[in-house]
Structures are given as C-alpha cells and as structure tokens.
Amino acid sequence: MLEPVGGCKSCGRRIYCRDGFFDGVKQDGEIYCFSCVESMDEKDVKE
C-alpha cells in the first residue's frame, strides 16, 4: 500500500510510505527523496 506523506523539500517530488516503510530521508525536521540526499552527499564529498 502506498500512502503519500509529503514532498521533498529540495525538488518537490512526492514521498510515500510503502507498506509501512518511509520511502525517503528525514533530516533536520524536513523530508527529502533519495535522489536529492545522494546529490547532497556528493557535494559534501567534493568540497
């Protein structure tokens, strides 16, 4: 079952709860999709 829980703070992509599991990342009280979190991590590594 898919339940929408909100949108990614960075790109706005809809984030769901899939069968009871959150399909995203909660960071500093905000939610992000996995793609945006990976992009943020890559920027941290390059700097």
N, C-alpha and C. Protein backbone atom coordinates (compact mmCIF):
# COMPACT_ATOMS: atom_id res chain seq x y z
N MET A 1 0.84 -1.18 0.00
CA MET A 1 0.00 0.00 0.00
C MET A 1 0.89 1.24 0.00
N LEU A 2 0.51 2.22 -0.79
CA LEU A 2 1.23 3.49 -0.87
C LEU A 2 0.42 4.59 -0.21
N GLU A 3 1.05 5.31 0.69
CA GLU A 3 0.41 6.47 1.31
C GLU A 3 1.33 7.68 1.13
N PRO A 4 0.84 8.74 0.49
CA PRO A 4 1.67 9.93 0.35
C PRO A 4 1.88 10.59 1.72
N VAL A 5 3.13 10.98 2.00
CA VAL A 5 3.43 11.60 3.29
C VAL A 5 3.94 13.03 3.15
N GLY A 6 4.22 13.45 1.91
CA GLY A 6 4.67 14.82 1.71
C GLY A 6 5.54 14.93 0.48
N GLY A 7 6.19 16.07 0.35
CA GLY A 7 7.05 16.31 -0.80
C GLY A 7 8.48 16.60 -0.37
N CYS A 8 9.41 16.26 -1.24
CA CYS A 8 10.83 16.53 -1.00
C CYS A 8 11.04 18.03 -0.88
N LYS A 9 11.73 18.46 0.14
CA LYS A 9 11.99 19.89 0.35
C LYS A 9 12.82 20.47 -0.78
N SER A 10 13.67 19.68 -1.38
CA SER A 10 14.57 20.17 -2.41
C SER A 10 13.93 20.22 -3.79
N CYS A 11 13.30 19.13 -4.23
CA CYS A 11 12.79 19.07 -5.61
C CYS A 11 11.27 19.00 -5.70
N GLY A 12 10.59 18.75 -4.58
CA GLY A 12 9.14 18.70 -4.59
C GLY A 12 8.54 17.35 -4.94
N ARG A 13 9.37 16.36 -5.25
CA ARG A 13 8.89 15.03 -5.60
C ARG A 13 8.07 14.46 -4.44
N ARG A 14 6.96 13.82 -4.75
CA ARG A 14 6.09 13.24 -3.73
C ARG A 14 6.78 12.05 -3.07
N ILE A 15 6.73 11.99 -1.76
CA ILE A 15 7.33 10.91 -0.99
C ILE A 15 6.23 10.09 -0.35
N TYR A 16 6.40 8.78 -0.37
CA TYR A 16 5.38 7.87 0.11
C TYR A 16 5.86 7.02 1.27
N CYS A 17 4.90 6.46 1.96
CA CYS A 17 5.13 5.39 2.91
C CYS A 17 4.69 4.12 2.18
N ARG A 18 5.61 3.20 1.95
CA ARG A 18 5.32 1.96 1.21
C ARG A 18 5.25 0.79 2.18
N ASP A 19 4.07 0.25 2.33
CA ASP A 19 3.87 -0.92 3.21
C ASP A 19 4.45 -0.69 4.60
N GLY A 20 4.30 0.52 5.12
CA GLY A 20 4.77 0.82 6.46
C GLY A 20 6.19 1.34 6.55
N PHE A 21 6.89 1.46 5.42
CA PHE A 21 8.28 1.93 5.41
C PHE A 21 8.35 3.28 4.71
N PHE A 22 8.98 4.23 5.36
CA PHE A 22 9.15 5.58 4.81
C PHE A 22 10.11 5.54 3.64
N ASP A 23 9.69 6.03 2.50
CA ASP A 23 10.47 5.97 1.26
C ASP A 23 11.19 7.29 1.00
N GLY A 24 11.99 7.72 1.96
CA GLY A 24 12.72 8.97 1.85
C GLY A 24 13.65 9.12 3.04
N VAL A 25 14.12 10.34 3.26
CA VAL A 25 15.04 10.62 4.37
C VAL A 25 14.54 11.83 5.13
N LYS A 26 14.49 11.71 6.45
CA LYS A 26 14.13 12.85 7.29
C LYS A 26 15.42 13.42 7.86
N GLN A 27 15.63 14.71 7.62
CA GLN A 27 16.86 15.36 8.07
C GLN A 27 16.52 16.76 8.55
N ASP A 28 16.88 17.08 9.76
CA ASP A 28 16.64 18.40 10.35
C ASP A 28 15.17 18.80 10.29
N GLY A 29 14.28 17.83 10.49
CA GLY A 29 12.85 18.11 10.51
C GLY A 29 12.20 18.24 9.14
N GLU A 30 12.96 18.03 8.08
CA GLU A 30 12.44 18.11 6.71
C GLU A 30 12.57 16.74 6.05
N ILE A 31 11.81 16.50 4.97
CA ILE A 31 11.92 15.24 4.27
C ILE A 31 12.46 15.47 2.87
N TYR A 32 13.29 14.51 2.42
CA TYR A 32 13.95 14.57 1.13
C TYR A 32 13.84 13.21 0.44
N CYS A 33 13.80 13.24 -0.91
CA CYS A 33 13.82 11.99 -1.66
C CYS A 33 15.27 11.47 -1.67
N PHE A 34 15.42 10.19 -2.00
CA PHE A 34 16.75 9.59 -2.01
C PHE A 34 17.67 10.25 -3.03
N SER A 35 17.14 10.66 -4.18
CA SER A 35 17.98 11.29 -5.21
C SER A 35 18.61 12.58 -4.71
N CYS A 36 17.83 13.40 -4.04
CA CYS A 36 18.35 14.68 -3.53
C CYS A 36 19.36 14.45 -2.41
N VAL A 37 19.13 13.47 -1.57
CA VAL A 37 20.07 13.19 -0.48
C VAL A 37 21.40 12.71 -1.06
N GLU A 38 21.34 11.87 -2.10
CA GLU A 38 22.58 11.42 -2.74
C GLU A 38 23.33 12.59 -3.35
N SER A 39 22.62 13.51 -3.97
CA SER A 39 23.25 14.71 -4.55
C SER A 39 23.90 15.56 -3.47
N MET A 40 23.21 15.71 -2.34
CA MET A 40 23.78 16.48 -1.22
C MET A 40 25.04 15.83 -0.70
N ASP A 41 25.04 14.49 -0.59
CA ASP A 41 26.21 13.76 -0.10
C ASP A 41 27.39 13.91 -1.05
N GLU A 42 27.13 13.88 -2.36
CA GLU A 42 28.20 14.03 -3.35
C GLU A 42 28.82 15.41 -3.26
N LYS A 43 28.02 16.44 -3.04
CA LYS A 43 28.54 17.80 -2.90
C LYS A 43 29.43 17.91 -1.66
N ASP A 44 29.05 17.25 -0.56
CA ASP A 44 29.85 17.29 0.66
C ASP A 44 31.20 16.62 0.45
N VAL A 45 31.22 15.54 -0.33
CA VAL A 45 32.47 14.80 -0.57
C VAL A 45 33.41 15.62 -1.45
N LYS A 46 32.88 16.34 -2.44
CA LYS A 46 33.70 17.10 -3.38
C LYS A 46 34.33 18.33 -2.73
N GLU A 47 33.70 18.89 -1.72
CA GLU A 47 34.19 20.14 -1.11
C GLU A 47 35.29 19.91 -0.12
